[in-house]
């Protein structure tokens, strides 16, 4: 299936009933804060992307996988709110642990433009790929933390 643009109504129709209110709430929050939204149909399913700033850079995505609906957060400013990471539930920390290592940071093998994340949670250091590091399955337990994570990141980006 070729990539094609869709609108929010088409996207939200594909979201399961348990996550629909959360997605609508976060969508409204991001738009109210000045993010630009784009929706596409990809080979793996629908993708929603939210960007902020000049130049515009991705803040987060909603995406569909076989395991369910996921949120990918681009935590470019995580160094400014390290205490928040220590509040994440164990299932989200496990997701971070399972993410791919950043080949740029660890092995100097990825594109020079690619920069992963180097951070700690508790006493454990992580050097993870920016595209899989903060990718969380959406559940009633994780959704409040996902929203708080997005709020922290966007607040930091808005202060620059």
N, C-alpha and C. Protein backbone atom coordinates (compact mmCIF):
# COMPACT_ATOMS: atom_id res chain seq x y z
N UNK A 1 0.84 -1.18 0.00
CA UNK A 1 0.00 0.00 0.00
C UNK A 1 0.89 1.24 0.00
N UNK A 2 0.61 2.14 -0.89
CA UNK A 2 1.39 3.37 -0.98
C UNK A 2 1.00 4.31 0.16
N UNK A 3 1.93 5.19 0.52
CA UNK A 3 1.64 6.17 1.56
C UNK A 3 0.63 7.17 1.01
N UNK A 4 -0.34 7.52 1.82
CA UNK A 4 -1.31 8.52 1.39
C UNK A 4 -1.76 9.33 2.60
N UNK A 5 -2.06 10.59 2.34
CA UNK A 5 -2.51 11.50 3.40
C UNK A 5 -3.95 11.14 3.77
N UNK A 6 -4.24 11.26 5.05
CA UNK A 6 -5.60 11.09 5.55
C UNK A 6 -5.87 12.26 6.49
N UNK A 7 -7.09 12.36 6.99
CA UNK A 7 -7.39 13.42 7.94
C UNK A 7 -7.58 12.83 9.35
N UNK A 8 -7.73 13.71 10.33
CA UNK A 8 -7.84 13.26 11.72
C UNK A 8 -9.06 12.37 11.91
N UNK A 9 -10.17 12.69 11.28
CA UNK A 9 -11.37 11.87 11.44
C UNK A 9 -11.15 10.44 10.98
N UNK A 10 -10.44 10.27 9.87
CA UNK A 10 -10.12 8.93 9.39
C UNK A 10 -9.19 8.22 10.36
N UNK A 11 -8.22 8.96 10.88
CA UNK A 11 -7.28 8.39 11.83
C UNK A 11 -7.99 7.94 13.10
N UNK A 12 -8.78 8.81 13.69
CA UNK A 12 -9.40 8.51 14.99
C UNK A 12 -10.40 7.35 14.87
N UNK A 13 -10.95 7.17 13.69
CA UNK A 13 -11.87 6.05 13.47
C UNK A 13 -11.16 4.71 13.65
N UNK A 14 -9.88 4.66 13.35
CA UNK A 14 -9.10 3.42 13.47
C UNK A 14 -8.63 3.15 14.90
N UNK A 15 -8.75 4.13 15.77
CA UNK A 15 -8.28 3.99 17.16
C UNK A 15 -9.32 3.19 17.96
N UNK A 16 -8.82 2.25 18.77
CA UNK A 16 -9.73 1.44 19.58
C UNK A 16 -10.45 2.31 20.61
N UNK A 17 -11.60 1.83 21.03
CA UNK A 17 -12.46 2.61 21.93
C UNK A 17 -11.76 2.95 23.26
N UNK A 18 -10.90 2.08 23.76
CA UNK A 18 -10.22 2.34 25.03
C UNK A 18 -9.28 3.53 24.94
N UNK A 19 -8.67 3.74 23.77
CA UNK A 19 -7.68 4.81 23.61
C UNK A 19 -8.23 6.07 22.96
N UNK A 20 -9.42 6.00 22.41
CA UNK A 20 -9.96 7.14 21.67
C UNK A 20 -10.01 8.43 22.49
N UNK A 21 -10.54 8.43 23.72
CA UNK A 21 -10.57 9.68 24.50
C UNK A 21 -9.16 10.23 24.77
N UNK A 22 -8.22 9.34 25.07
CA UNK A 22 -6.85 9.77 25.31
C UNK A 22 -6.24 10.41 24.07
N UNK A 23 -6.41 9.78 22.92
CA UNK A 23 -5.86 10.30 21.67
C UNK A 23 -6.48 11.65 21.34
N UNK A 24 -7.80 11.77 21.50
CA UNK A 24 -8.47 13.04 21.22
C UNK A 24 -7.97 14.14 22.15
N UNK A 25 -7.79 13.81 23.43
CA UNK A 25 -7.32 14.78 24.41
C UNK A 25 -5.89 15.24 24.10
N UNK A 26 -5.00 14.29 23.80
CA UNK A 26 -3.62 14.64 23.51
C UNK A 26 -3.51 15.40 22.19
N UNK A 27 -4.32 15.02 21.22
CA UNK A 27 -4.37 15.73 19.93
C UNK A 27 -4.75 17.20 20.15
N UNK A 28 -5.80 17.43 20.93
CA UNK A 28 -6.24 18.80 21.22
C UNK A 28 -5.16 19.57 21.97
N UNK A 29 -4.54 18.95 22.95
CA UNK A 29 -3.47 19.59 23.72
C UNK A 29 -2.34 20.04 22.80
N UNK A 30 -1.88 19.14 21.94
CA UNK A 30 -0.76 19.44 21.05
C UNK A 30 -1.11 20.57 20.08
N UNK A 31 -2.31 20.53 19.51
CA UNK A 31 -2.72 21.61 18.60
C UNK A 31 -2.82 22.94 19.35
N UNK A 32 -3.37 22.92 20.56
CA UNK A 32 -3.49 24.15 21.36
C UNK A 32 -2.12 24.75 21.69
N UNK A 33 -1.09 23.92 21.77
CA UNK A 33 0.27 24.38 22.07
C UNK A 33 1.04 24.78 20.81
N UNK A 34 0.40 24.72 19.66
CA UNK A 34 1.03 25.18 18.43
C UNK A 34 1.69 24.11 17.58
N UNK A 35 1.45 22.85 17.89
CA UNK A 35 2.01 21.77 17.07
C UNK A 35 1.24 21.64 15.76
N UNK A 36 1.93 21.19 14.76
CA UNK A 36 1.33 20.90 13.46
C UNK A 36 1.15 19.39 13.38
N UNK A 37 -0.01 18.96 12.94
CA UNK A 37 -0.32 17.53 12.85
C UNK A 37 -0.40 17.09 11.39
N UNK A 38 0.04 15.88 11.15
CA UNK A 38 -0.07 15.26 9.83
C UNK A 38 -0.47 13.81 10.03
N UNK A 39 -1.31 13.33 9.14
CA UNK A 39 -1.81 11.96 9.24
C UNK A 39 -1.58 11.26 7.91
N UNK A 40 -1.08 10.03 7.99
CA UNK A 40 -0.77 9.26 6.79
C UNK A 40 -1.18 7.82 6.97
N UNK A 41 -1.46 7.20 5.85
CA UNK A 41 -1.65 5.76 5.83
C UNK A 41 -0.36 5.16 5.31
N UNK A 42 0.28 4.37 6.15
CA UNK A 42 1.55 3.72 5.80
C UNK A 42 1.29 2.24 5.58
N UNK A 43 2.32 1.55 5.13
CA UNK A 43 2.21 0.12 4.89
C UNK A 43 1.80 -0.62 6.17
N UNK A 44 2.33 -0.18 7.31
CA UNK A 44 2.06 -0.85 8.58
C UNK A 44 0.79 -0.34 9.26
N UNK A 45 0.13 0.66 8.70
CA UNK A 45 -1.08 1.22 9.30
C UNK A 45 -1.01 2.74 9.35
N UNK A 46 -1.95 3.33 10.03
CA UNK A 46 -2.00 4.78 10.13
C UNK A 46 -0.89 5.31 11.03
N UNK A 47 -0.46 6.54 10.73
CA UNK A 47 0.55 7.24 11.51
C UNK A 47 0.09 8.68 11.69
N UNK A 48 0.14 9.15 12.93
CA UNK A 48 -0.10 10.56 13.23
C UNK A 48 1.20 11.15 13.73
N UNK A 49 1.58 12.29 13.19
CA UNK A 49 2.83 12.93 13.55
C UNK A 49 2.56 14.36 14.00
N UNK A 50 3.18 14.75 15.10
CA UNK A 50 3.02 16.10 15.64
C UNK A 50 4.39 16.75 15.72
N UNK A 51 4.50 17.93 15.10
CA UNK A 51 5.78 18.65 15.05
C UNK A 51 5.62 20.03 15.67
N UNK A 52 6.76 20.52 16.19
CA UNK A 52 6.75 21.84 16.83
C UNK A 52 8.05 22.56 16.51
N UNK A 53 7.97 23.89 16.43
CA UNK A 53 9.16 24.73 16.34
C UNK A 53 9.52 25.16 14.94
N UNK A 54 10.58 25.93 14.89
CA UNK A 54 11.13 26.40 13.62
C UNK A 54 12.62 26.13 13.64
N UNK A 55 13.13 25.23 12.85
CA UNK A 55 12.37 24.37 11.94
C UNK A 55 11.53 23.36 12.74
N UNK A 56 10.47 22.90 12.11
CA UNK A 56 9.59 21.95 12.77
C UNK A 56 10.29 20.62 12.97
N UNK A 57 10.20 20.12 14.21
CA UNK A 57 10.79 18.83 14.55
C UNK A 57 9.73 18.01 15.27
N UNK A 58 9.75 16.71 15.02
CA UNK A 58 8.76 15.81 15.60
C UNK A 58 8.83 15.81 17.12
N UNK A 59 7.67 15.90 17.74
CA UNK A 59 7.54 15.79 19.20
C UNK A 59 7.08 14.37 19.53
N UNK A 60 6.11 13.89 18.76
CA UNK A 60 5.58 12.54 19.01
C UNK A 60 4.82 12.02 17.81
N UNK A 61 4.61 10.71 17.83
CA UNK A 61 3.79 10.03 16.83
C UNK A 61 2.84 9.08 17.54
N UNK A 62 1.69 8.86 16.91
CA UNK A 62 0.84 7.72 17.23
C UNK A 62 1.04 6.76 16.07
N UNK A 63 1.22 5.48 16.37
CA UNK A 63 1.39 4.51 15.30
C UNK A 63 0.76 3.18 15.68
N UNK A 64 0.42 2.42 14.67
CA UNK A 64 -0.20 1.12 14.88
C UNK A 64 0.80 0.02 14.57
N UNK A 65 0.84 -0.99 15.43
CA UNK A 65 1.66 -2.17 15.24
C UNK A 65 0.80 -3.39 15.57
N UNK A 66 1.32 -4.57 15.28
CA UNK A 66 0.59 -5.80 15.60
C UNK A 66 0.30 -5.90 17.09
N UNK A 67 1.22 -5.38 17.91
CA UNK A 67 1.06 -5.45 19.36
C UNK A 67 0.01 -4.48 19.89
N UNK A 68 -0.40 -3.52 19.06
CA UNK A 68 -1.39 -2.54 19.48
C UNK A 68 -0.98 -1.14 19.05
N UNK A 69 -1.63 -0.16 19.63
CA UNK A 69 -1.33 1.23 19.30
C UNK A 69 -0.20 1.72 20.19
N UNK A 70 0.76 2.39 19.56
CA UNK A 70 1.93 2.88 20.27
C UNK A 70 2.05 4.40 20.16
N UNK A 71 2.78 4.95 21.11
CA UNK A 71 3.17 6.35 21.06
C UNK A 71 4.69 6.39 21.04
N UNK A 72 5.24 7.14 20.10
CA UNK A 72 6.69 7.36 20.05
C UNK A 72 6.93 8.82 20.41
N UNK A 73 7.71 9.05 21.45
CA UNK A 73 8.03 10.40 21.89
C UNK A 73 9.48 10.70 21.55
N UNK A 74 9.72 11.85 20.99
CA UNK A 74 11.08 12.28 20.67
C UNK A 74 11.55 13.19 21.81
N UNK A 75 12.29 12.60 22.74
CA UNK A 75 12.69 13.29 23.96
C UNK A 75 14.00 14.05 23.82
N UNK A 76 14.03 14.97 22.89
CA UNK A 76 15.27 15.73 22.63
C UNK A 76 15.75 16.55 23.82
N UNK A 77 14.85 16.90 24.73
CA UNK A 77 15.22 17.73 25.88
C UNK A 77 15.16 16.97 27.20
N UNK A 78 15.27 15.64 27.16
CA UNK A 78 15.14 14.86 28.40
C UNK A 78 16.16 15.24 29.46
N UNK A 79 17.26 15.80 29.05
CA UNK A 79 18.26 16.24 30.02
C UNK A 79 17.74 17.34 30.93
N UNK A 80 16.66 18.01 30.53
CA UNK A 80 16.09 19.11 31.32
C UNK A 80 15.03 18.65 32.31
N UNK A 81 14.63 17.38 32.24
CA UNK A 81 13.64 16.89 33.20
C UNK A 81 13.94 15.43 33.60
N UNK A 82 15.18 15.20 34.09
CA UNK A 82 15.59 13.83 34.41
C UNK A 82 14.78 13.17 35.53
N UNK A 83 14.28 13.95 36.47
CA UNK A 83 13.51 13.37 37.57
C UNK A 83 12.23 12.70 37.08
N UNK A 84 11.67 13.22 36.00
CA UNK A 84 10.44 12.63 35.46
C UNK A 84 10.66 11.17 35.07
N UNK A 85 11.80 10.88 34.42
CA UNK A 85 12.06 9.52 33.97
C UNK A 85 12.03 8.51 35.12
N UNK A 86 12.40 8.97 36.31
CA UNK A 86 12.39 8.09 37.48
C UNK A 86 10.97 7.77 37.97
N UNK A 87 9.97 8.45 37.45
CA UNK A 87 8.59 8.18 37.85
C UNK A 87 7.89 7.17 36.94
N UNK A 88 8.53 6.81 35.82
CA UNK A 88 7.89 5.90 34.87
C UNK A 88 7.64 4.53 35.49
N UNK A 89 6.49 3.93 35.19
CA UNK A 89 6.23 2.59 35.71
C UNK A 89 7.19 1.56 35.09
N UNK A 90 7.36 0.45 35.76
CA UNK A 90 8.34 -0.55 35.34
C UNK A 90 8.09 -1.06 33.93
N UNK A 91 6.86 -1.17 33.50
CA UNK A 91 6.57 -1.66 32.16
C UNK A 91 7.12 -0.70 31.09
N UNK A 92 7.09 0.60 31.37
CA UNK A 92 7.63 1.57 30.43
C UNK A 92 9.16 1.57 30.46
N UNK A 93 9.73 1.39 31.63
CA UNK A 93 11.19 1.30 31.73
C UNK A 93 11.67 0.05 31.00
N UNK A 94 10.93 -1.05 31.11
CA UNK A 94 11.29 -2.28 30.38
C UNK A 94 11.26 -2.04 28.88
N UNK A 95 10.28 -1.27 28.42
CA UNK A 95 10.20 -0.94 26.99
C UNK A 95 11.45 -0.17 26.55
N UNK A 96 11.91 0.74 27.39
CA UNK A 96 13.13 1.50 27.09
C UNK A 96 14.33 0.55 27.07
N UNK A 97 14.41 -0.35 28.05
CA UNK A 97 15.51 -1.31 28.10
C UNK A 97 15.56 -2.17 26.84
N UNK A 98 14.39 -2.54 26.33
CA UNK A 98 14.30 -3.41 25.15
C UNK A 98 14.57 -2.67 23.84
N UNK A 99 14.58 -1.35 23.86
CA UNK A 99 14.81 -0.56 22.64
C UNK A 99 16.23 -0.76 22.13
N UNK A 100 16.40 -0.51 20.85
CA UNK A 100 17.71 -0.66 20.21
C UNK A 100 18.71 0.33 20.79
N UNK A 101 19.97 -0.12 20.90
CA UNK A 101 21.01 0.81 21.32
C UNK A 101 21.25 1.81 20.19
N UNK A 102 21.78 2.95 20.54
CA UNK A 102 22.12 3.96 19.54
C UNK A 102 23.49 3.62 18.96
N UNK A 103 23.51 3.21 17.71
CA UNK A 103 24.78 2.85 17.07
C UNK A 103 25.68 4.06 16.88
N UNK A 104 25.10 5.24 16.82
CA UNK A 104 25.89 6.47 16.68
C UNK A 104 26.65 6.76 17.98
N UNK A 105 25.95 6.67 19.10
CA UNK A 105 26.57 6.95 20.40
C UNK A 105 27.54 5.86 20.83
N UNK A 106 27.17 4.60 20.60
CA UNK A 106 27.93 3.48 21.12
C UNK A 106 29.06 3.05 20.18
N UNK A 107 28.74 2.97 18.89
CA UNK A 107 29.71 2.43 17.93
C UNK A 107 30.19 3.43 16.88
N UNK A 108 29.61 4.63 16.89
CA UNK A 108 29.91 5.66 15.89
C UNK A 108 29.68 5.14 14.47
N UNK A 109 28.59 4.37 14.29
CA UNK A 109 28.32 3.74 13.01
C UNK A 109 27.11 4.28 12.27
N UNK A 110 26.28 5.02 12.91
CA UNK A 110 25.07 5.51 12.25
C UNK A 110 25.37 6.84 11.57
N UNK A 111 24.40 7.38 10.90
CA UNK A 111 24.54 8.66 10.22
C UNK A 111 24.97 9.75 11.21
N UNK A 112 25.86 10.66 10.78
CA UNK A 112 26.26 11.76 11.67
C UNK A 112 25.09 12.66 12.07
N UNK A 113 24.04 12.66 11.27
CA UNK A 113 22.86 13.48 11.59
C UNK A 113 21.99 12.81 12.65
N UNK A 114 22.16 11.52 12.80
CA UNK A 114 21.35 10.78 13.77
C UNK A 114 21.99 10.91 15.14
N UNK A 115 21.21 11.28 16.09
CA UNK A 115 21.71 11.36 17.46
C UNK A 115 20.73 10.68 18.38
N UNK A 116 21.19 9.72 19.11
CA UNK A 116 20.32 9.02 20.04
C UNK A 116 20.23 9.75 21.37
N UNK A 117 19.79 9.03 22.37
CA UNK A 117 19.61 9.60 23.69
C UNK A 117 20.56 8.92 24.67
N UNK A 118 21.20 9.72 25.51
CA UNK A 118 22.10 9.24 26.54
C UNK A 118 21.55 9.79 27.87
N UNK A 119 21.04 8.90 28.73
CA UNK A 119 20.36 9.34 29.95
C UNK A 119 20.40 8.23 30.98
N UNK A 120 19.97 8.55 32.18
CA UNK A 120 19.89 7.54 33.24
C UNK A 120 18.48 7.51 33.82
N UNK A 121 18.12 6.32 34.26
CA UNK A 121 16.91 6.12 35.05
C UNK A 121 17.38 5.38 36.28
N UNK A 122 17.18 6.00 37.44
CA UNK A 122 17.76 5.45 38.66
C UNK A 122 19.27 5.51 38.52
N UNK A 123 19.91 4.36 38.65
CA UNK A 123 21.37 4.32 38.51
C UNK A 123 21.80 3.67 37.19
N UNK A 124 20.83 3.36 36.33
CA UNK A 124 21.13 2.68 35.06
C UNK A 124 21.25 3.67 33.91
N UNK A 125 22.36 3.55 33.17
CA UNK A 125 22.60 4.42 32.02
C UNK A 125 22.05 3.76 30.76
N UNK A 126 21.44 4.59 29.91
CA UNK A 126 20.90 4.12 28.63
C UNK A 126 21.49 4.95 27.50
N UNK A 127 21.82 4.30 26.41
CA UNK A 127 22.22 4.96 25.17
C UNK A 127 21.39 4.31 24.08
N UNK A 128 20.27 4.96 23.75
CA UNK A 128 19.26 4.33 22.92
C UNK A 128 18.98 5.12 21.64
N UNK A 129 18.50 4.39 20.64
CA UNK A 129 18.14 4.98 19.35
C UNK A 129 16.91 5.87 19.50
N UNK A 130 16.95 7.02 18.89
CA UNK A 130 15.84 7.98 19.03
C UNK A 130 14.53 7.47 18.44
N UNK A 131 14.61 6.50 17.53
CA UNK A 131 13.40 6.02 16.86
C UNK A 131 12.71 4.89 17.59
N UNK A 132 13.36 4.28 18.57
CA UNK A 132 12.69 3.21 19.30
C UNK A 132 12.74 3.40 20.82
N UNK A 133 13.50 4.34 21.29
CA UNK A 133 13.73 4.51 22.72
C UNK A 133 12.44 4.74 23.51
N UNK A 134 11.72 5.76 23.15
CA UNK A 134 10.52 6.13 23.91
C UNK A 134 9.27 5.75 23.11
N UNK A 135 9.17 4.47 22.80
CA UNK A 135 8.03 3.94 22.06
C UNK A 135 7.25 3.06 23.02
N UNK A 136 6.05 3.50 23.38
CA UNK A 136 5.29 2.85 24.43
C UNK A 136 3.94 2.37 23.93
N UNK A 137 3.58 1.16 24.35
CA UNK A 137 2.24 0.65 24.07
C UNK A 137 1.25 1.48 24.90
N UNK A 138 0.15 1.81 24.31
CA UNK A 138 -0.84 2.66 24.99
C UNK A 138 -1.78 1.79 25.81
N UNK A 139 -1.77 2.03 27.13
CA UNK A 139 -2.64 1.31 28.06
C UNK A 139 -3.17 2.31 29.08
N UNK A 140 -4.13 1.87 29.87
CA UNK A 140 -4.66 2.76 30.91
C UNK A 140 -3.56 3.12 31.92
N UNK A 141 -2.58 2.24 32.12
CA UNK A 141 -1.47 2.55 33.04
C UNK A 141 -0.48 3.53 32.41
N UNK A 142 -0.13 3.32 31.15
CA UNK A 142 0.92 4.14 30.53
C UNK A 142 0.42 5.49 30.02
N UNK A 143 -0.84 5.60 29.65
CA UNK A 143 -1.33 6.84 29.02
C UNK A 143 -1.10 8.10 29.85
N UNK A 144 -1.34 8.11 31.16
CA UNK A 144 -1.06 9.34 31.92
C UNK A 144 0.43 9.73 31.89
N UNK A 145 1.31 8.74 31.89
CA UNK A 145 2.76 9.01 31.82
C UNK A 145 3.16 9.50 30.43
N UNK A 146 2.52 8.93 29.41
CA UNK A 146 2.77 9.39 28.04
C UNK A 146 2.40 10.86 27.93
N UNK A 147 1.23 11.23 28.43
CA UNK A 147 0.80 12.62 28.35
C UNK A 147 1.77 13.53 29.12
N UNK A 148 2.14 13.11 30.32
CA UNK A 148 3.06 13.92 31.12
C UNK A 148 4.42 14.05 30.43
N UNK A 149 4.90 12.98 29.79
CA UNK A 149 6.16 13.00 29.06
C UNK A 149 6.08 14.03 27.93
N UNK A 150 5.00 13.98 27.16
CA UNK A 150 4.81 14.93 26.05
C UNK A 150 4.74 16.36 26.59
N UNK A 151 4.04 16.57 27.70
CA UNK A 151 3.95 17.91 28.30
C UNK A 151 5.33 18.42 28.71
N UNK A 152 6.12 17.56 29.37
CA UNK A 152 7.48 17.96 29.76
C UNK A 152 8.32 18.34 28.55
N UNK A 153 8.28 17.48 27.53
CA UNK A 153 9.09 17.73 26.33
C UNK A 153 8.67 19.02 25.63
N UNK A 154 7.40 19.20 25.44
CA UNK A 154 6.91 20.38 24.74
C UNK A 154 7.19 21.65 25.54
N UNK A 155 7.04 21.62 26.84
CA UNK A 155 7.35 22.77 27.68
C UNK A 155 8.80 23.17 27.51
N UNK A 156 9.69 22.20 27.51
CA UNK A 156 11.12 22.50 27.33
C UNK A 156 11.41 23.06 25.94
N UNK A 157 10.76 22.53 24.94
CA UNK A 157 10.99 23.05 23.59
C UNK A 157 10.46 24.47 23.44
N UNK A 158 9.40 24.79 24.16
CA UNK A 158 8.79 26.13 24.05
C UNK A 158 9.63 27.18 24.77
N UNK A 159 10.51 26.78 25.69
CA UNK A 159 11.31 27.76 26.43
C UNK A 159 12.54 28.22 25.66
N UNK A 160 12.82 27.57 24.55
CA UNK A 160 14.01 27.93 23.75
C UNK A 160 13.70 29.10 22.84
